[in-house]
N, C-alpha and C. Protein backbone atom coordinates (compact mmCIF):
# COMPACT_ATOMS: atom_id res chain seq x y z
N MET A 1 -18.15 -10.52 -5.90
CA MET A 1 -17.36 -11.40 -6.70
C MET A 1 -17.79 -12.82 -6.31
N VAL A 2 -18.02 -13.62 -7.30
CA VAL A 2 -18.29 -15.02 -7.13
C VAL A 2 -17.33 -15.79 -8.05
N VAL A 3 -16.64 -16.72 -7.47
CA VAL A 3 -15.71 -17.52 -8.24
C VAL A 3 -16.29 -18.91 -8.41
N THR A 4 -16.45 -19.29 -9.66
CA THR A 4 -16.96 -20.62 -9.96
C THR A 4 -16.06 -21.27 -11.00
N HIS A 5 -16.19 -22.54 -11.13
CA HIS A 5 -15.42 -23.22 -12.19
C HIS A 5 -16.10 -24.52 -12.53
N GLY A 6 -15.86 -24.94 -13.75
CA GLY A 6 -16.24 -26.27 -14.15
C GLY A 6 -14.98 -27.07 -14.42
N ASN A 7 -14.94 -28.31 -14.06
CA ASN A 7 -13.72 -29.00 -14.22
C ASN A 7 -13.86 -30.17 -15.19
N GLY A 8 -14.90 -30.18 -16.01
CA GLY A 8 -15.11 -31.24 -16.97
C GLY A 8 -13.93 -31.44 -17.91
N PRO A 9 -13.47 -30.39 -18.58
CA PRO A 9 -12.31 -30.58 -19.49
C PRO A 9 -11.06 -31.08 -18.79
N GLN A 10 -10.80 -30.57 -17.55
CA GLN A 10 -9.62 -31.01 -16.82
C GLN A 10 -9.75 -32.51 -16.45
N VAL A 11 -10.90 -32.94 -16.01
CA VAL A 11 -11.13 -34.36 -15.65
C VAL A 11 -10.91 -35.22 -16.90
N GLY A 12 -11.46 -34.79 -18.05
CA GLY A 12 -11.25 -35.55 -19.29
C GLY A 12 -9.81 -35.69 -19.64
N PHE A 13 -9.07 -34.61 -19.47
CA PHE A 13 -7.64 -34.63 -19.77
C PHE A 13 -6.89 -35.60 -18.85
N ILE A 14 -7.23 -35.56 -17.56
CA ILE A 14 -6.58 -36.44 -16.57
C ILE A 14 -6.89 -37.89 -16.91
N LEU A 15 -8.14 -38.18 -17.25
CA LEU A 15 -8.50 -39.59 -17.58
C LEU A 15 -7.79 -40.04 -18.85
N LEU A 16 -7.74 -39.13 -19.84
CA LEU A 16 -7.04 -39.49 -21.13
C LEU A 16 -5.57 -39.73 -20.83
N ARG A 17 -4.94 -38.91 -20.09
CA ARG A 17 -3.51 -39.06 -19.76
C ARG A 17 -3.32 -40.39 -19.04
N SER A 18 -4.17 -40.71 -18.09
CA SER A 18 -4.06 -41.97 -17.35
C SER A 18 -4.22 -43.17 -18.32
N GLU A 19 -5.14 -43.06 -19.28
CA GLU A 19 -5.36 -44.12 -20.25
C GLU A 19 -4.18 -44.28 -21.18
N LEU A 20 -3.59 -43.15 -21.62
CA LEU A 20 -2.49 -43.22 -22.55
C LEU A 20 -1.24 -43.82 -21.90
N ILE A 21 -1.03 -43.59 -20.63
CA ILE A 21 0.11 -44.18 -19.95
C ILE A 21 -0.01 -45.70 -19.94
N GLY A 22 -1.23 -46.15 -19.73
CA GLY A 22 -1.50 -47.57 -19.79
C GLY A 22 -1.05 -48.32 -18.56
N GLU A 23 -1.71 -49.44 -18.32
CA GLU A 23 -1.40 -50.24 -17.16
C GLU A 23 -0.08 -51.03 -17.28
N SER A 24 0.40 -51.13 -18.49
CA SER A 24 1.66 -51.85 -18.67
C SER A 24 2.85 -51.11 -18.04
N SER A 25 2.64 -49.82 -17.79
CA SER A 25 3.72 -49.01 -17.21
C SER A 25 3.83 -49.29 -15.66
N GLY A 26 2.84 -50.02 -15.11
CA GLY A 26 2.85 -50.25 -13.69
C GLY A 26 2.18 -49.20 -12.90
N ILE A 27 1.73 -48.17 -13.58
CA ILE A 27 0.97 -47.08 -12.92
C ILE A 27 -0.48 -47.35 -13.07
N PRO A 28 -1.24 -47.47 -11.97
CA PRO A 28 -2.68 -47.81 -12.07
C PRO A 28 -3.44 -46.64 -12.67
N ARG A 29 -4.52 -46.95 -13.41
CA ARG A 29 -5.36 -45.91 -13.97
C ARG A 29 -6.13 -45.21 -12.86
N LEU A 30 -6.36 -43.93 -13.10
CA LEU A 30 -7.12 -43.17 -12.13
C LEU A 30 -8.63 -43.38 -12.34
N SER A 31 -9.36 -43.49 -11.28
CA SER A 31 -10.83 -43.57 -11.37
C SER A 31 -11.40 -42.21 -11.62
N LEU A 32 -12.64 -42.16 -12.00
CA LEU A 32 -13.32 -40.89 -12.24
C LEU A 32 -13.29 -39.99 -10.98
N ASP A 33 -13.62 -40.54 -9.80
CA ASP A 33 -13.65 -39.74 -8.62
C ASP A 33 -12.26 -39.22 -8.24
N MET A 34 -11.22 -40.01 -8.46
CA MET A 34 -9.88 -39.54 -8.17
C MET A 34 -9.45 -38.45 -9.16
N SER A 35 -9.92 -38.55 -10.42
CA SER A 35 -9.62 -37.54 -11.41
C SER A 35 -10.33 -36.23 -11.08
N VAL A 36 -11.53 -36.30 -10.56
CA VAL A 36 -12.28 -35.12 -10.14
C VAL A 36 -11.54 -34.44 -8.98
N ALA A 37 -11.17 -35.28 -7.97
CA ALA A 37 -10.46 -34.72 -6.82
C ALA A 37 -9.12 -34.11 -7.24
N ASP A 38 -8.40 -34.73 -8.16
CA ASP A 38 -7.14 -34.22 -8.65
C ASP A 38 -7.35 -32.86 -9.32
N SER A 39 -8.34 -32.75 -10.14
CA SER A 39 -8.58 -31.46 -10.85
C SER A 39 -9.04 -30.38 -9.89
N GLN A 40 -9.89 -30.75 -8.89
CA GLN A 40 -10.34 -29.73 -7.94
C GLN A 40 -9.23 -29.19 -7.10
N GLY A 41 -8.29 -30.10 -6.72
CA GLY A 41 -7.14 -29.66 -5.94
C GLY A 41 -6.29 -28.68 -6.73
N GLY A 42 -6.06 -29.02 -8.01
CA GLY A 42 -5.28 -28.14 -8.89
C GLY A 42 -5.91 -26.80 -9.07
N ILE A 43 -7.23 -26.80 -9.35
CA ILE A 43 -7.97 -25.58 -9.57
C ILE A 43 -7.99 -24.70 -8.30
N GLY A 44 -8.18 -25.39 -7.12
CA GLY A 44 -8.15 -24.66 -5.85
C GLY A 44 -6.80 -23.99 -5.63
N HIS A 45 -5.73 -24.70 -5.94
CA HIS A 45 -4.41 -24.15 -5.80
C HIS A 45 -4.23 -22.90 -6.71
N ILE A 46 -4.68 -23.02 -7.92
CA ILE A 46 -4.56 -21.89 -8.89
C ILE A 46 -5.38 -20.68 -8.38
N LEU A 47 -6.62 -20.93 -7.92
CA LEU A 47 -7.46 -19.85 -7.44
C LEU A 47 -6.85 -19.19 -6.19
N GLY A 48 -6.32 -20.04 -5.30
CA GLY A 48 -5.69 -19.49 -4.10
C GLY A 48 -4.48 -18.58 -4.40
N ASN A 49 -3.66 -19.01 -5.36
CA ASN A 49 -2.56 -18.19 -5.77
C ASN A 49 -3.03 -16.89 -6.43
N ALA A 50 -4.06 -16.95 -7.23
CA ALA A 50 -4.60 -15.76 -7.87
C ALA A 50 -5.11 -14.77 -6.80
N LEU A 51 -5.76 -15.28 -5.76
CA LEU A 51 -6.26 -14.45 -4.66
C LEU A 51 -5.07 -13.77 -3.96
N LEU A 52 -4.01 -14.53 -3.70
CA LEU A 52 -2.83 -13.92 -3.08
C LEU A 52 -2.19 -12.86 -3.96
N ASN A 53 -2.12 -13.13 -5.30
CA ASN A 53 -1.49 -12.18 -6.19
C ASN A 53 -2.33 -10.88 -6.29
N GLU A 54 -3.66 -10.98 -6.21
CA GLU A 54 -4.50 -9.81 -6.34
C GLU A 54 -4.63 -9.00 -5.03
N LEU A 55 -4.76 -9.69 -3.89
CA LEU A 55 -5.09 -9.00 -2.65
C LEU A 55 -3.97 -8.83 -1.66
N GLY A 56 -2.95 -9.55 -1.79
CA GLY A 56 -1.93 -9.43 -0.77
C GLY A 56 -0.87 -10.49 -0.95
N ARG A 57 -0.19 -10.71 0.10
CA ARG A 57 0.87 -11.71 0.09
C ARG A 57 0.85 -12.47 1.40
N ARG A 58 1.48 -13.62 1.36
CA ARG A 58 1.58 -14.39 2.63
C ARG A 58 2.49 -13.67 3.60
N GLY A 59 2.14 -13.78 4.86
CA GLY A 59 3.01 -13.19 5.87
C GLY A 59 2.34 -13.10 7.23
N LEU A 60 3.02 -12.49 8.14
CA LEU A 60 2.53 -12.45 9.52
C LEU A 60 2.01 -11.10 9.92
N TYR A 61 1.87 -10.15 8.97
CA TYR A 61 1.44 -8.85 9.30
C TYR A 61 -0.03 -8.63 8.97
N VAL A 62 -0.66 -7.60 9.58
CA VAL A 62 -2.05 -7.34 9.31
C VAL A 62 -2.24 -7.09 7.82
N GLY A 63 -3.20 -7.77 7.27
CA GLY A 63 -3.45 -7.63 5.82
C GLY A 63 -2.86 -8.73 5.00
N ASN A 64 -1.92 -9.47 5.54
CA ASN A 64 -1.36 -10.61 4.85
C ASN A 64 -2.33 -11.77 4.88
N LEU A 65 -2.23 -12.62 3.88
CA LEU A 65 -3.11 -13.80 3.83
C LEU A 65 -2.29 -15.01 4.19
N VAL A 66 -2.71 -15.70 5.24
CA VAL A 66 -2.07 -16.93 5.65
C VAL A 66 -2.99 -18.12 5.43
N ARG A 67 -4.22 -17.99 5.92
CA ARG A 67 -5.22 -19.07 5.82
C ARG A 67 -6.58 -18.47 5.50
N PRO A 68 -6.74 -17.88 4.29
CA PRO A 68 -8.05 -17.30 3.94
C PRO A 68 -9.11 -18.40 3.83
N LYS A 69 -10.29 -18.12 4.35
CA LYS A 69 -11.39 -19.10 4.33
C LYS A 69 -12.58 -18.67 3.57
N GLY A 70 -12.70 -17.45 3.16
CA GLY A 70 -13.88 -17.01 2.41
C GLY A 70 -13.62 -15.64 1.81
N VAL A 71 -14.30 -15.37 0.70
CA VAL A 71 -14.15 -14.08 0.00
C VAL A 71 -15.53 -13.68 -0.47
N ALA A 72 -15.87 -12.38 -0.32
CA ALA A 72 -17.11 -11.83 -0.78
C ALA A 72 -16.86 -10.36 -1.18
N THR A 73 -17.74 -9.82 -2.02
CA THR A 73 -17.62 -8.42 -2.39
C THR A 73 -19.00 -7.72 -2.21
N ASP A 74 -18.95 -6.42 -2.02
CA ASP A 74 -20.19 -5.64 -1.97
C ASP A 74 -20.38 -4.91 -3.28
N ASP A 75 -21.45 -4.17 -3.41
CA ASP A 75 -21.70 -3.51 -4.72
C ASP A 75 -20.88 -2.27 -4.91
N GLU A 76 -20.01 -1.89 -3.97
CA GLU A 76 -19.07 -0.77 -4.16
C GLU A 76 -17.70 -1.30 -4.57
N GLY A 77 -17.58 -2.64 -4.69
CA GLY A 77 -16.30 -3.22 -5.07
C GLY A 77 -15.37 -3.58 -3.97
N ASN A 78 -15.79 -3.34 -2.73
CA ASN A 78 -14.95 -3.73 -1.60
C ASN A 78 -14.90 -5.23 -1.52
N VAL A 79 -13.77 -5.78 -1.14
CA VAL A 79 -13.56 -7.20 -1.05
C VAL A 79 -13.34 -7.58 0.42
N TYR A 80 -14.06 -8.58 0.92
CA TYR A 80 -13.99 -8.99 2.28
C TYR A 80 -13.36 -10.41 2.26
N VAL A 81 -12.31 -10.57 3.07
CA VAL A 81 -11.64 -11.87 3.13
C VAL A 81 -11.58 -12.29 4.60
N VAL A 82 -12.08 -13.50 4.90
CA VAL A 82 -11.93 -14.04 6.23
C VAL A 82 -10.54 -14.69 6.32
N GLU A 83 -9.72 -14.19 7.26
CA GLU A 83 -8.40 -14.72 7.46
C GLU A 83 -8.42 -15.49 8.78
N SER A 84 -8.51 -16.80 8.71
CA SER A 84 -8.74 -17.62 9.89
C SER A 84 -7.48 -17.79 10.78
N MET A 85 -6.31 -17.60 10.21
CA MET A 85 -5.10 -17.73 11.01
C MET A 85 -5.06 -16.71 12.14
N HIS A 86 -5.49 -15.48 11.77
CA HIS A 86 -5.46 -14.37 12.77
C HIS A 86 -6.86 -14.01 13.24
N ASP A 87 -7.85 -14.81 12.88
CA ASP A 87 -9.24 -14.58 13.31
C ASP A 87 -9.70 -13.19 12.96
N THR A 88 -9.51 -12.80 11.69
CA THR A 88 -9.85 -11.43 11.25
C THR A 88 -10.71 -11.44 9.97
N LEU A 89 -11.37 -10.31 9.79
CA LEU A 89 -12.04 -10.02 8.53
C LEU A 89 -11.25 -8.88 7.96
N LEU A 90 -10.64 -9.13 6.77
CA LEU A 90 -9.91 -8.08 6.10
C LEU A 90 -10.75 -7.40 5.05
N VAL A 91 -10.75 -6.10 4.97
CA VAL A 91 -11.54 -5.34 4.01
C VAL A 91 -10.56 -4.59 3.07
N PHE A 92 -10.69 -4.90 1.79
CA PHE A 92 -9.89 -4.30 0.76
C PHE A 92 -10.80 -3.44 -0.13
N ASP A 93 -10.27 -2.38 -0.74
CA ASP A 93 -11.09 -1.59 -1.68
C ASP A 93 -10.96 -2.30 -3.06
N ALA A 94 -11.60 -1.70 -4.05
CA ALA A 94 -11.66 -2.28 -5.41
C ALA A 94 -10.28 -2.34 -6.05
N GLN A 95 -9.33 -1.53 -5.55
CA GLN A 95 -7.96 -1.58 -6.08
C GLN A 95 -7.03 -2.50 -5.27
N ALA A 96 -7.64 -3.34 -4.38
CA ALA A 96 -6.93 -4.30 -3.60
C ALA A 96 -6.05 -3.70 -2.51
N ARG A 97 -6.38 -2.46 -2.09
CA ARG A 97 -5.67 -1.83 -0.98
C ARG A 97 -6.41 -2.17 0.31
N LEU A 98 -5.67 -2.55 1.33
CA LEU A 98 -6.22 -2.86 2.63
C LEU A 98 -6.85 -1.63 3.26
N LEU A 99 -8.14 -1.73 3.60
CA LEU A 99 -8.82 -0.59 4.26
C LEU A 99 -8.79 -0.76 5.76
N LEU A 100 -9.15 -1.94 6.24
CA LEU A 100 -9.11 -2.25 7.65
C LEU A 100 -9.14 -3.73 7.94
N SER A 101 -8.80 -4.02 9.15
CA SER A 101 -8.85 -5.38 9.67
C SER A 101 -9.75 -5.38 10.88
N ILE A 102 -10.75 -6.28 10.89
CA ILE A 102 -11.73 -6.34 11.98
C ILE A 102 -11.53 -7.67 12.70
N GLY A 103 -11.54 -7.62 14.03
CA GLY A 103 -11.53 -8.89 14.76
C GLY A 103 -10.29 -9.09 15.57
N GLY A 104 -9.89 -10.34 15.59
CA GLY A 104 -8.82 -10.80 16.52
C GLY A 104 -9.48 -11.99 17.29
N THR A 105 -8.64 -12.73 17.95
CA THR A 105 -9.15 -13.90 18.66
C THR A 105 -9.89 -13.53 19.91
N GLY A 106 -11.09 -14.09 20.04
CA GLY A 106 -11.88 -13.87 21.24
C GLY A 106 -13.36 -14.18 21.02
N SER A 107 -14.13 -14.01 22.04
CA SER A 107 -15.56 -14.24 21.97
C SER A 107 -16.37 -12.97 22.19
N GLU A 108 -15.71 -11.89 22.53
CA GLU A 108 -16.43 -10.66 22.76
C GLU A 108 -16.86 -10.00 21.43
N VAL A 109 -17.66 -8.95 21.57
CA VAL A 109 -18.13 -8.26 20.36
C VAL A 109 -16.98 -7.78 19.50
N GLY A 110 -17.03 -8.06 18.23
CA GLY A 110 -15.98 -7.64 17.28
C GLY A 110 -14.80 -8.63 17.16
N LYS A 111 -14.86 -9.74 17.91
CA LYS A 111 -13.80 -10.72 17.83
C LYS A 111 -14.33 -12.02 17.24
N PHE A 112 -13.45 -12.84 16.73
CA PHE A 112 -13.82 -14.13 16.13
C PHE A 112 -12.95 -15.26 16.73
N TYR A 113 -13.44 -16.41 16.58
CA TYR A 113 -12.64 -17.60 16.93
C TYR A 113 -12.84 -18.60 15.83
N LEU A 114 -11.87 -18.69 14.93
CA LEU A 114 -11.84 -19.47 13.72
C LEU A 114 -13.01 -19.20 12.80
N PRO A 115 -13.02 -17.97 12.23
CA PRO A 115 -14.07 -17.65 11.27
C PRO A 115 -13.94 -18.54 10.02
N ALA A 116 -15.06 -18.94 9.49
CA ALA A 116 -15.03 -19.96 8.43
C ALA A 116 -15.60 -19.51 7.11
N GLY A 117 -16.17 -18.35 7.03
CA GLY A 117 -16.75 -17.89 5.76
C GLY A 117 -17.31 -16.49 5.88
N VAL A 118 -17.57 -15.89 4.71
CA VAL A 118 -18.11 -14.55 4.66
C VAL A 118 -19.07 -14.41 3.49
N TRP A 119 -20.11 -13.62 3.66
CA TRP A 119 -21.11 -13.42 2.63
C TRP A 119 -21.64 -12.01 2.73
N VAL A 120 -22.00 -11.39 1.63
CA VAL A 120 -22.51 -10.03 1.60
C VAL A 120 -23.90 -10.09 0.93
N ASP A 121 -24.95 -9.50 1.59
CA ASP A 121 -26.26 -9.52 1.05
C ASP A 121 -26.50 -8.30 0.15
N ALA A 122 -27.70 -8.18 -0.43
CA ALA A 122 -28.04 -7.16 -1.39
C ALA A 122 -28.01 -5.75 -0.77
N ARG A 123 -28.07 -5.68 0.60
CA ARG A 123 -28.00 -4.39 1.25
C ARG A 123 -26.61 -4.07 1.79
N ASN A 124 -25.60 -4.85 1.31
CA ASN A 124 -24.18 -4.70 1.67
C ASN A 124 -23.93 -4.99 3.16
N ARG A 125 -24.76 -5.79 3.76
CA ARG A 125 -24.47 -6.27 5.10
C ARG A 125 -23.50 -7.41 4.94
N VAL A 126 -22.51 -7.49 5.82
CA VAL A 126 -21.49 -8.49 5.76
C VAL A 126 -21.70 -9.51 6.86
N TYR A 127 -21.83 -10.78 6.49
CA TYR A 127 -22.04 -11.85 7.46
C TYR A 127 -20.79 -12.70 7.57
N VAL A 128 -20.34 -12.89 8.78
CA VAL A 128 -19.15 -13.72 9.01
C VAL A 128 -19.59 -14.92 9.85
N ALA A 129 -19.28 -16.12 9.33
CA ALA A 129 -19.57 -17.38 10.06
C ALA A 129 -18.43 -17.51 11.09
N ASP A 130 -18.72 -17.26 12.38
CA ASP A 130 -17.76 -17.35 13.45
C ASP A 130 -17.90 -18.74 14.09
N MET A 131 -17.17 -19.71 13.49
CA MET A 131 -17.42 -21.10 13.74
C MET A 131 -17.30 -21.53 15.22
N PHE A 132 -16.19 -21.30 15.85
CA PHE A 132 -16.01 -21.81 17.20
C PHE A 132 -16.73 -21.02 18.25
N ASN A 133 -17.19 -19.81 17.91
CA ASN A 133 -18.08 -19.08 18.82
C ASN A 133 -19.56 -19.41 18.55
N GLY A 134 -19.81 -20.22 17.51
CA GLY A 134 -21.16 -20.66 17.23
C GLY A 134 -22.14 -19.58 16.91
N ARG A 135 -21.71 -18.63 16.06
CA ARG A 135 -22.61 -17.52 15.75
C ARG A 135 -22.29 -16.94 14.37
N VAL A 136 -23.19 -16.14 13.88
CA VAL A 136 -22.98 -15.35 12.65
C VAL A 136 -22.93 -13.91 13.06
N VAL A 137 -21.88 -13.24 12.72
CA VAL A 137 -21.68 -11.84 13.07
C VAL A 137 -22.03 -11.00 11.85
N VAL A 138 -22.82 -9.93 12.02
CA VAL A 138 -23.25 -9.09 10.92
C VAL A 138 -22.64 -7.69 11.08
N PHE A 139 -22.04 -7.24 9.93
CA PHE A 139 -21.47 -5.89 9.90
C PHE A 139 -22.14 -5.13 8.77
N GLN A 140 -22.16 -3.81 8.86
CA GLN A 140 -22.57 -2.95 7.79
C GLN A 140 -21.46 -1.95 7.54
N PHE A 141 -20.80 -2.03 6.37
CA PHE A 141 -19.74 -1.12 6.03
C PHE A 141 -20.41 0.21 5.59
N LEU A 142 -20.05 1.30 6.24
CA LEU A 142 -20.67 2.59 6.00
C LEU A 142 -19.79 3.50 5.17
N GLY A 143 -18.92 2.89 4.34
CA GLY A 143 -17.97 3.67 3.52
C GLY A 143 -18.72 4.27 2.33
N GLY A 144 -18.00 4.51 1.34
CA GLY A 144 -18.55 5.07 0.13
C GLY A 144 -17.55 5.93 -0.59
N SER A 145 -17.96 6.40 -1.71
CA SER A 145 -17.01 7.22 -2.52
C SER A 145 -16.98 8.62 -2.00
């Protein structure tokens, strides 16, 4: 799964809205860069909520999403989410059911310290950017139908 977006229409709407309000209202017009930032924040919020609605809910239990930092999928439809609050890699199946949680805080094998992203290559190897441990951890999910 790759999530992309274009925010051209949203930026245009924000600029038009700012122009229609006019400076006589005492509200300053938004610049182009502020309009881009405004739209990206809104789109990020919408995508984050969609991710929570599809894969889980906020909470303190294994499988809950508190501070997700990256999402990737393999060619079997499994979804990998880096959850940085609990220093884990969460693995969901194609129906968004939690299969397993890998990790926990630490520097030993199988542990993470503030993981910052995840990526899956063409051979379904899962790469986790383990930021504070200064390494990339590689996993191979050996599941299947």
